Amino acid sequence: MLKLNFIPKFSILIIFSFILFTVIGTLTHEFGHIAVAKYFGYETRLNYGSSSIVQKGYVEDEDVKEIEKIYKKYLDFKYEELPNELKLKVEELQNSINKKFPQNRYHNLWITAGGPAQTLLTSFIGLTILYIRRNQWRNGFKILDWFAVFMTLFALREVFNFITSIYALIISSKSNFHGDEFRISRYLGFNEWIVPSIALIFGLIITFIAIFKIIPIKYRFTFIISGLVGSISGYAIWFGFLGEALFNS
């Protein structure tokens, strides 16, 4: 149920909150990957929208350094345009690297799952806080309740990922996606849409409960409109310039 009343001051707070939590959600998602990778003994590095995870000794390896020099030197060239002797050199280096640092499918699965697991765990923790405090927030929302709502809405990431993948499928006929949920499906031997679809269902259910069952009616319309503005703005600000500026400074 919605009441179409708009509360300007409340809207400003929600917009800024969504911007902030978009950044927090992005970074904590990557920490989910990093935590699992650290457990398995990998070297990690956090970036503003991704994480670098490699086996110990990879960065210092001479073959890795040499192939990176080649990639940087011929950055503007397509692989097919490279001289044959250079392509043979790249293949030789890549084969050497693959032998020294073989991929572990089991590790890759769990490291990939670490991000979505962290996101959904945060969402369930938020929902649990709201359930425990149900008698309190029914008599009036407090700051802790709003904080728990934003934690719960971390599950929106699963909805956003699915929608953007559908968009890419329709617009560019893309069929091999690199999102965490798609990669998990492939690691498990499923159709690549299985895990994203399950995550979407969880995301929609949790979001519906938070917005239409918990947030007071008088705030819902303003919250939904402001949430859309804030989340889009947060994504544009963080991935557009702020994230890169902070991490490269």
C-alpha atoms as a PDB file:
ATOM      1  CA  MET A   1       0.000   0.000   0.000  1.00  0.00           C
ATOM      2  CA  LEU A   2       1.209   3.495  -0.872  1.00  0.00           C
ATOM      3  CA  LYS A   3       0.169   7.004   0.067  1.00  0.00           C
ATOM      4  CA  LEU A   4       1.303   9.428  -2.618  1.00  0.00           C
ATOM      5  CA  ASN A   5       2.538  12.066  -0.222  1.00  0.00           C
ATOM      6  CA  PHE A   6       6.064  13.383  -0.721  1.00  0.00           C
ATOM      7  CA  ILE A   7       8.195  14.580   2.203  1.00  0.00           C
ATOM      8  CA  PRO A   8      11.018  16.825   0.876  1.00  0.00           C
ATOM      9  CA  LYS A   9      13.289  16.904   3.962  1.00  0.00           C
ATOM     10  CA  PHE A  10      12.972  13.158   4.443  1.00  0.00           C
ATOM     11  CA  SER A  11      13.699  12.696   0.728  1.00  0.00           C
ATOM     12  CA  ILE A  12      17.050  14.514   0.990  1.00  0.00           C
ATOM     13  CA  LEU A  13      18.133  12.276   3.877  1.00  0.00           C
ATOM     14  CA  ILE A  14      17.154   9.130   1.988  1.00  0.00           C
ATOM     15  CA  ILE A  15      18.921  10.218  -1.218  1.00  0.00           C
ATOM     16  CA  PHE A  16      22.195  10.856   0.629  1.00  0.00           C
ATOM     17  CA  SER A  17      21.763   7.616   2.595  1.00  0.00           C
ATOM     18  CA  PHE A  18      21.355   5.611  -0.607  1.00  0.00           C
ATOM     19  CA  ILE A  19      24.434   7.262  -2.098  1.00  0.00           C
ATOM     20  CA  LEU A  20      26.433   6.352   1.012  1.00  0.00           C
ATOM     21  CA  PHE A  21      25.124   2.793   1.215  1.00  0.00           C
ATOM     22  CA  THR A  22      25.751   2.224  -2.492  1.00  0.00           C
ATOM     23  CA  VAL A  23      29.438   2.853  -1.784  1.00  0.00           C
ATOM     24  CA  ILE A  24      29.397   0.794   1.429  1.00  0.00           C
ATOM     25  CA  GLY A  25      27.580  -2.056  -0.288  1.00  0.00           C
ATOM     26  CA  THR A  26      30.052  -2.111  -3.180  1.00  0.00           C
ATOM     27  CA  LEU A  27      33.132  -2.191  -0.939  1.00  0.00           C
ATOM     28  CA  THR A  28      31.764  -4.735   1.559  1.00  0.00           C
ATOM     29  CA  HIS A  29      30.778  -6.974  -1.354  1.00  0.00           C
ATOM     30  CA  GLU A  30      34.404  -6.973  -2.476  1.00  0.00           C
ATOM     31  CA  PHE A  31      35.526  -7.633   1.100  1.00  0.00           C
ATOM     32  CA  GLY A  32      33.414 -10.789   0.902  1.00  0.00           C
ATOM     33  CA  HIS A  33      35.552 -12.021  -1.992  1.00  0.00           C
ATOM     34  CA  ILE A  34      38.744 -10.934  -0.240  1.00  0.00           C
ATOM     35  CA  ALA A  35      37.897 -12.644   3.069  1.00  0.00           C
ATOM     36  CA  VAL A  36      37.491 -16.028   1.367  1.00  0.00           C
ATOM     37  CA  ALA A  37      40.600 -15.488  -0.762  1.00  0.00           C
ATOM     38  CA  LYS A  38      42.640 -14.634   2.344  1.00  0.00           C
ATOM     39  CA  TYR A  39      41.390 -17.827   3.981  1.00  0.00           C
ATOM     40  CA  PHE A  40      42.785 -19.841   1.054  1.00  0.00           C
ATOM     41  CA  GLY A  41      46.109 -17.967   1.195  1.00  0.00           C
ATOM     42  CA  TYR A  42      45.805 -15.693  -1.829  1.00  0.00           C
ATOM     43  CA  GLU A  43      47.247 -12.205  -2.179  1.00  0.00           C
ATOM     44  CA  THR A  44      44.522  -9.593  -2.517  1.00  0.00           C
ATOM     45  CA  ARG A  45      44.038  -5.961  -3.339  1.00  0.00           C
ATOM     46  CA  LEU A  46      40.851  -3.933  -3.024  1.00  0.00           C
ATOM     47  CA  ASN A  47      39.832  -1.555  -5.805  1.00  0.00           C
ATOM     48  CA  TYR A  48      36.840   0.779  -5.840  1.00  0.00           C
ATOM     49  CA  GLY A  49      34.662  -1.611  -7.862  1.00  0.00           C
ATOM     50  CA  SER A  50      36.543  -4.879  -7.893  1.00  0.00           C
ATOM     51  CA  SER A  51      39.227  -6.874  -6.127  1.00  0.00           C
ATOM     52  CA  SER A  52      42.497  -8.310  -7.398  1.00  0.00           C
ATOM     53  CA  ILE A  53      43.113 -11.876  -6.191  1.00  0.00           C
ATOM     54  CA  VAL A  54      46.231 -13.799  -7.167  1.00  0.00           C
ATOM     55  CA  GLN A  55      48.285 -16.690  -5.846  1.00  0.00           C
ATOM     56  CA  LYS A  56      51.307 -15.948  -3.674  1.00  0.00           C
ATOM     57  CA  GLY A  57      54.348 -15.055  -5.747  1.00  0.00           C
ATOM     58  CA  TYR A  58      52.315 -14.226  -8.847  1.00  0.00           C
ATOM     59  CA  VAL A  59      52.997 -10.492  -8.855  1.00  0.00           C
ATOM     60  CA  GLU A  60      56.760 -10.983  -8.389  1.00  0.00           C
ATOM     61  CA  ASP A  61      57.055 -13.701 -11.049  1.00  0.00           C
ATOM     62  CA  GLU A  62      59.370 -12.759 -13.935  1.00  0.00           C
ATOM     63  CA  ASP A  63      57.139 -14.302 -16.618  1.00  0.00           C
ATOM     64  CA  VAL A  64      54.164 -12.345 -15.299  1.00  0.00           C
ATOM     65  CA  LYS A  65      56.179  -9.121 -15.348  1.00  0.00           C
ATOM     66  CA  GLU A  66      57.350  -9.776 -18.891  1.00  0.00           C
ATOM     67  CA  ILE A  67      53.894 -10.544 -20.291  1.00  0.00           C
ATOM     68  CA  GLU A  68      52.487  -7.439 -18.584  1.00  0.00           C
ATOM     69  CA  LYS A  69      55.182  -5.337 -20.283  1.00  0.00           C
ATOM     70  CA  ILE A  70      54.136  -6.752 -23.645  1.00  0.00           C
ATOM     71  CA  TYR A  71      50.442  -6.057 -22.965  1.00  0.00           C
ATOM     72  CA  LYS A  72      51.222  -2.463 -21.972  1.00  0.00           C
ATOM     73  CA  LYS A  73      53.420  -1.885 -25.017  1.00  0.00           C
ATOM     74  CA  TYR A  74      50.833  -3.258 -27.456  1.00  0.00           C
ATOM     75  CA  LEU A  75      47.758  -2.028 -25.576  1.00  0.00           C
ATOM     76  CA  ASP A  76      46.204  -0.464 -28.678  1.00  0.00           C
ATOM     77  CA  PHE A  77      46.691  -3.533 -30.868  1.00  0.00           C
ATOM     78  CA  LYS A  78      44.352  -6.482 -31.307  1.00  0.00           C
ATOM     79  CA  TYR A  79      45.940  -9.849 -30.576  1.00  0.00           C
ATOM     80  CA  GLU A  80      45.480 -10.914 -34.225  1.00  0.00           C
ATOM     81  CA  GLU A  81      47.484  -7.878 -35.369  1.00  0.00           C
ATOM     82  CA  LEU A  82      50.603  -8.812 -33.393  1.00  0.00           C
ATOM     83  CA  PRO A  83      53.632 -10.313 -35.200  1.00  0.00           C
ATOM     84  CA  ASN A  84      53.669 -14.120 -35.187  1.00  0.00           C
ATOM     85  CA  GLU A  85      56.911 -14.330 -33.201  1.00  0.00           C
ATOM     86  CA  LEU A  86      55.412 -12.062 -30.529  1.00  0.00           C
ATOM     87  CA  LYS A  87      52.237 -14.150 -30.353  1.00  0.00           C
ATOM     88  CA  LEU A  88      54.365 -17.268 -29.902  1.00  0.00           C
ATOM     89  CA  LYS A  89      56.268 -15.503 -27.122  1.00  0.00           C
ATOM     90  CA  VAL A  90      53.010 -14.550 -25.374  1.00  0.00           C
ATOM     91  CA  GLU A  91      51.702 -18.119 -25.643  1.00  0.00           C
ATOM     92  CA  GLU A  92      54.976 -19.483 -24.272  1.00  0.00           C
ATOM     93  CA  LEU A  93      54.875 -17.088 -21.322  1.00  0.00           C
ATOM     94  CA  GLN A  94      51.191 -17.795 -20.660  1.00  0.00           C
ATOM     95  CA  ASN A  95      51.776 -21.575 -20.677  1.00  0.00           C
ATOM     96  CA  SER A  96      54.654 -21.123 -18.223  1.00  0.00           C
ATOM     97  CA  ILE A  97      52.485 -18.983 -15.936  1.00  0.00           C
ATOM     98  CA  ASN A  98      49.618 -21.485 -16.078  1.00  0.00           C
ATOM     99  CA  LYS A  99      51.958 -24.301 -15.019  1.00  0.00           C
ATOM    100  CA  LYS A 100      53.371 -22.330 -12.108  1.00  0.00           C
ATOM    101  CA  PHE A 101      50.017 -20.932 -10.978  1.00  0.00           C
ATOM    102  CA  PRO A 102      47.327 -23.477 -11.903  1.00  0.00           C
ATOM    103  CA  GLN A 103      43.709 -22.484 -11.338  1.00  0.00           C
ATOM    104  CA  ASN A 104      41.905 -24.163  -8.454  1.00  0.00           C
ATOM    105  CA  ARG A 105      38.240 -24.536  -9.445  1.00  0.00           C
ATOM    106  CA  TYR A 106      37.184 -25.235  -5.845  1.00  0.00           C
ATOM    107  CA  HIS A 107      38.873 -22.065  -4.584  1.00  0.00           C
ATOM    108  CA  ASN A 108      37.477 -20.032  -7.487  1.00  0.00           C
ATOM    109  CA  LEU A 109      33.939 -21.152  -6.696  1.00  0.00           C
ATOM    110  CA  TRP A 110      34.106 -20.161  -3.027  1.00  0.00           C
ATOM    111  CA  ILE A 111      35.954 -16.896  -3.668  1.00  0.00           C
ATOM    112  CA  THR A 112      33.342 -15.930  -6.260  1.00  0.00           C
ATOM    113  CA  ALA A 113      30.534 -16.879  -3.877  1.00  0.00           C
ATOM    114  CA  GLY A 114      32.064 -14.761  -1.097  1.00  0.00           C
ATOM    115  CA  GLY A 115      30.749 -11.493  -2.558  1.00  0.00           C
ATOM    116  CA  PRO A 116      27.064 -12.445  -2.980  1.00  0.00           C
ATOM    117  CA  ALA A 117      27.191 -14.355   0.326  1.00  0.00           C
ATOM    118  CA  GLN A 118      28.362 -11.230   2.153  1.00  0.00           C
ATOM    119  CA  THR A 119      25.681  -9.123   0.460  1.00  0.00           C
ATOM    120  CA  LEU A 120      22.833 -11.498   1.334  1.00  0.00           C
ATOM    121  CA  LEU A 121      24.196 -12.135   4.847  1.00  0.00           C
ATOM    122  CA  THR A 122      24.168  -8.392   5.546  1.00  0.00           C
ATOM    123  CA  SER A 123      20.618  -8.268   4.224  1.00  0.00           C
ATOM    124  CA  PHE A 124      19.486 -11.124   6.497  1.00  0.00           C
ATOM    125  CA  ILE A 125      21.185  -9.507   9.503  1.00  0.00           C
ATOM    126  CA  GLY A 126      19.276  -6.301   8.813  1.00  0.00           C
ATOM    127  CA  LEU A 127      16.024  -8.236   8.502  1.00  0.00           C
ATOM    128  CA  THR A 128      16.778 -10.060  11.755  1.00  0.00           C
ATOM    129  CA  ILE A 129      17.356  -6.771  13.602  1.00  0.00           C
ATOM    130  CA  LEU A 130      14.025  -5.489  12.319  1.00  0.00           C
ATOM    131  CA  TYR A 131      12.280  -8.687  13.416  1.00  0.00           C
ATOM    132  CA  ILE A 132      13.784  -8.500  16.902  1.00  0.00           C
ATOM    133  CA  ARG A 133      12.762  -4.841  17.177  1.00  0.00           C
ATOM    134  CA  ARG A 134       9.307  -5.302  15.608  1.00  0.00           C
ATOM    135  CA  ASN A 135       7.474  -4.154  18.744  1.00  0.00           C
ATOM    136  CA  GLN A 136       9.605  -0.999  18.914  1.00  0.00           C
ATOM    137  CA  TRP A 137       9.424   0.131  15.269  1.00  0.00           C
ATOM    138  CA  ARG A 138       5.690  -0.453  15.119  1.00  0.00           C
ATOM    139  CA  ASN A 139       5.414   2.393  17.619  1.00  0.00           C
ATOM    140  CA  GLY A 140       7.813   4.638  15.719  1.00  0.00           C
ATOM    141  CA  PHE A 141      10.937   4.180  13.607  1.00  0.00           C
ATOM    142  CA  LYS A 142      14.292   4.981  15.236  1.00  0.00           C
ATOM    143  CA  ILE A 143      17.729   5.489  13.665  1.00  0.00           C
ATOM    144  CA  LEU A 144      18.638   1.845  14.326  1.00  0.00           C
ATOM    145  CA  ASP A 145      15.535   0.721  12.444  1.00  0.00           C
ATOM    146  CA  TRP A 146      16.393   2.846   9.409  1.00  0.00           C
ATOM    147  CA  PHE A 147      19.973   1.542   9.526  1.00  0.00           C
ATOM    148  CA  ALA A 148      18.604  -2.023   9.563  1.00  0.00           C
ATOM    149  CA  VAL A 149      16.357  -1.200   6.595  1.00  0.00           C
ATOM    150  CA  PHE A 150      19.362  -0.095   4.544  1.00  0.00           C
ATOM    151  CA  MET A 151      21.221  -3.242   5.565  1.00  0.00           C
ATOM    152  CA  THR A 152      18.228  -5.305   4.470  1.00  0.00           C
ATOM    153  CA  LEU A 153      18.150  -3.559   1.099  1.00  0.00           C
ATOM    154  CA  PHE A 154      21.651  -4.785   0.279  1.00  0.00           C
ATOM    155  CA  ALA A 155      19.634  -7.557  -1.407  1.00  0.00           C
ATOM    156  CA  LEU A 156      18.676  -5.009  -4.076  1.00  0.00           C
ATOM    157  CA  ARG A 157      22.108  -5.664  -5.575  1.00  0.00           C
ATOM    158  CA  GLU A 158      20.816  -9.041  -6.792  1.00  0.00           C
ATOM    159  CA  VAL A 159      17.822  -7.372  -8.444  1.00  0.00           C
ATOM    160  CA  PHE A 160      20.022  -4.706 -10.045  1.00  0.00           C
ATOM    161  CA  ASN A 161      22.499  -7.299 -11.378  1.00  0.00           C
ATOM    162  CA  PHE A 162      19.721  -9.374 -12.926  1.00  0.00           C
ATOM    163  CA  ILE A 163      18.039  -6.380 -14.578  1.00  0.00           C
ATOM    164  CA  THR A 164      21.313  -5.084 -16.052  1.00  0.00           C
ATOM    165  CA  SER A 165      22.068  -8.577 -17.409  1.00  0.00           C
ATOM    166  CA  ILE A 166      18.641  -8.774 -19.064  1.00  0.00           C
ATOM    167  CA  TYR A 167      19.282  -5.328 -20.549  1.00  0.00           C
ATOM    168  CA  ALA A 168      22.653  -6.478 -21.932  1.00  0.00           C
ATOM    169  CA  LEU A 169      21.026  -9.624 -23.332  1.00  0.00           C
ATOM    170  CA  ILE A 170      18.326  -7.643 -25.152  1.00  0.00           C
ATOM    171  CA  ILE A 171      20.472  -4.749 -26.367  1.00  0.00           C
ATOM    172  CA  SER A 172      23.697  -6.526 -27.326  1.00  0.00           C
ATOM    173  CA  SER A 173      22.629 -10.203 -27.424  1.00  0.00           C
ATOM    174  CA  LYS A 174      25.282 -10.925 -24.814  1.00  0.00           C
ATOM    175  CA  SER A 175      25.149 -14.537 -23.666  1.00  0.00           C
ATOM    176  CA  ASN A 176      28.249 -15.107 -21.526  1.00  0.00           C
ATOM    177  CA  PHE A 177      28.121 -12.946 -18.401  1.00  0.00           C
ATOM    178  CA  HIS A 178      30.940 -12.354 -15.926  1.00  0.00           C
ATOM    179  CA  GLY A 179      28.825 -11.466 -12.876  1.00  0.00           C
ATOM    180  CA  ASP A 180      29.421 -13.475  -9.721  1.00  0.00           C
ATOM    181  CA  GLU A 181      26.084 -15.292  -9.848  1.00  0.00           C
ATOM    182  CA  PHE A 182      26.591 -16.352 -13.484  1.00  0.00           C
ATOM    183  CA  ARG A 183      30.093 -17.617 -12.745  1.00  0.00           C
ATOM    184  CA  ILE A 184      28.822 -19.597  -9.741  1.00  0.00           C
ATOM    185  CA  SER A 185      26.238 -21.277 -11.991  1.00  0.00           C
ATOM    186  CA  ARG A 186      28.940 -22.260 -14.472  1.00  0.00           C
ATOM    187  CA  TYR A 187      31.270 -23.541 -11.741  1.00  0.00           C
ATOM    188  CA  LEU A 188      28.434 -25.755 -10.485  1.00  0.00           C
ATOM    189  CA  GLY A 189      27.665 -27.012 -13.983  1.00  0.00           C
ATOM    190  CA  PHE A 190      24.244 -25.333 -14.155  1.00  0.00           C
ATOM    191  CA  ASN A 191      22.679 -23.166 -16.804  1.00  0.00           C
ATOM    192  CA  GLU A 192      24.226 -19.752 -16.162  1.00  0.00           C
ATOM    193  CA  TRP A 193      20.850 -18.160 -15.340  1.00  0.00           C
ATOM    194  CA  ILE A 194      19.985 -20.560 -12.461  1.00  0.00           C
ATOM    195  CA  VAL A 195      21.857 -18.884  -9.585  1.00  0.00           C
ATOM    196  CA  PRO A 196      21.090 -15.314 -10.769  1.00  0.00           C
ATOM    197  CA  SER A 197      17.389 -16.219 -10.905  1.00  0.00           C
ATOM    198  CA  ILE A 198      17.435 -17.685  -7.391  1.00  0.00           C
ATOM    199  CA  ALA A 199      19.300 -14.602  -6.114  1.00  0.00           C
ATOM    200  CA  LEU A 200      16.726 -12.393  -7.873  1.00  0.00           C
ATOM    201  CA  ILE A 201      13.863 -14.147  -6.088  1.00  0.00           C
ATOM    202  CA  PHE A 202      15.553 -13.718  -2.699  1.00  0.00           C
ATOM    203  CA  GLY A 203      16.271 -10.068  -3.503  1.00  0.00           C
ATOM    204  CA  LEU A 204      12.687  -9.331  -4.532  1.00  0.00           C
ATOM    205  CA  ILE A 205      11.164 -11.056  -1.500  1.00  0.00           C
ATOM    206  CA  ILE A 206      13.454  -9.291   0.973  1.00  0.00           C
ATOM    207  CA  THR A 207      12.949  -5.917  -0.729  1.00  0.00           C
ATOM    208  CA  PHE A 208       9.157  -6.345  -0.753  1.00  0.00           C
ATOM    209  CA  ILE A 209       9.126  -7.193   2.953  1.00  0.00           C
ATOM    210  CA  ALA A 210      11.333  -4.224   3.859  1.00  0.00           C
ATOM    211  CA  ILE A 211       9.438  -1.638   1.821  1.00  0.00           C
ATOM    212  CA  PHE A 212       5.822  -2.791   1.959  1.00  0.00           C
ATOM    213  CA  LYS A 213       5.696  -4.571   5.314  1.00  0.00           C
ATOM    214  CA  ILE A 214       8.126  -2.655   7.521  1.00  0.00           C
ATOM    215  CA  ILE A 215       8.613   0.958   6.393  1.00  0.00           C
ATOM    216  CA  PRO A 216       5.707   3.079   7.705  1.00  0.00           C
ATOM    217  CA  ILE A 217       3.080   3.909   5.055  1.00  0.00           C
ATOM    218  CA  LYS A 218       3.579   7.669   5.347  1.00  0.00           C
ATOM    219  CA  TYR A 219       7.239   7.303   4.308  1.00  0.00           C
ATOM    220  CA  ARG A 220       6.949   4.636   1.571  1.00  0.00           C
ATOM    221  CA  PHE A 221       6.320   6.739  -1.518  1.00  0.00           C
ATOM    222  CA  THR A 222       9.055   9.222  -0.631  1.00  0.00           C
ATOM    223  CA  PHE A 223      11.413   6.357   0.221  1.00  0.00           C
ATOM    224  CA  ILE A 224      10.859   4.579  -3.112  1.00  0.00           C
ATOM    225  CA  ILE A 225      11.297   7.709  -5.262  1.00  0.00           C
ATOM    226  CA  SER A 226      14.282   8.950  -3.252  1.00  0.00           C
ATOM    227  CA  GLY A 227      15.804   5.474  -3.219  1.00  0.00           C
ATOM    228  CA  LEU A 228      15.760   5.322  -7.005  1.00  0.00           C
ATOM    229  CA  VAL A 229      17.370   8.756  -7.277  1.00  0.00           C
ATOM    230  CA  GLY A 230      19.924   8.022  -4.538  1.00  0.00           C
ATOM    231  CA  SER A 231      20.990   4.592  -5.774  1.00  0.00           C
ATOM    232  CA  ILE A 232      21.410   5.757  -9.388  1.00  0.00           C
ATOM    233  CA  SER A 233      23.287   8.859  -8.210  1.00  0.00           C
ATOM    234  CA  GLY A 234      25.467   6.790  -5.882  1.00  0.00           C
ATOM    235  CA  TYR A 235      26.384   4.398  -8.686  1.00  0.00           C
ATOM    236  CA  ALA A 236      27.134   7.262 -11.089  1.00  0.00           C
ATOM    237  CA  ILE A 237      29.197   9.204  -8.541  1.00  0.00           C
ATOM    238  CA  TRP A 238      31.221   6.246  -7.248  1.00  0.00           C
ATOM    239  CA  PHE A 239      31.908   4.533 -10.569  1.00  0.00           C
ATOM    240  CA  GLY A 240      31.923   7.748 -12.557  1.00  0.00           C
ATOM    241  CA  PHE A 241      34.730   9.571 -10.759  1.00  0.00           C
ATOM    242  CA  LEU A 242      34.862   9.418  -6.949  1.00  0.00           C
ATOM    243  CA  GLY A 243      35.916   5.788  -6.524  1.00  0.00           C
ATOM    244  CA  GLU A 244      38.747   6.027  -9.038  1.00  0.00           C
ATOM    245  CA  ALA A 245      39.875   9.375  -7.595  1.00  0.00           C
ATOM    246  CA  LEU A 246      40.054   8.029  -4.033  1.00  0.00           C
ATOM    247  CA  PHE A 247      41.747   4.733  -4.876  1.00  0.00           C
ATOM    248  CA  ASN A 248      44.259   6.238  -7.284  1.00  0.00           C
ATOM    249  CA  SER A 249      45.184   9.177  -5.063  1.00  0.00           C
END
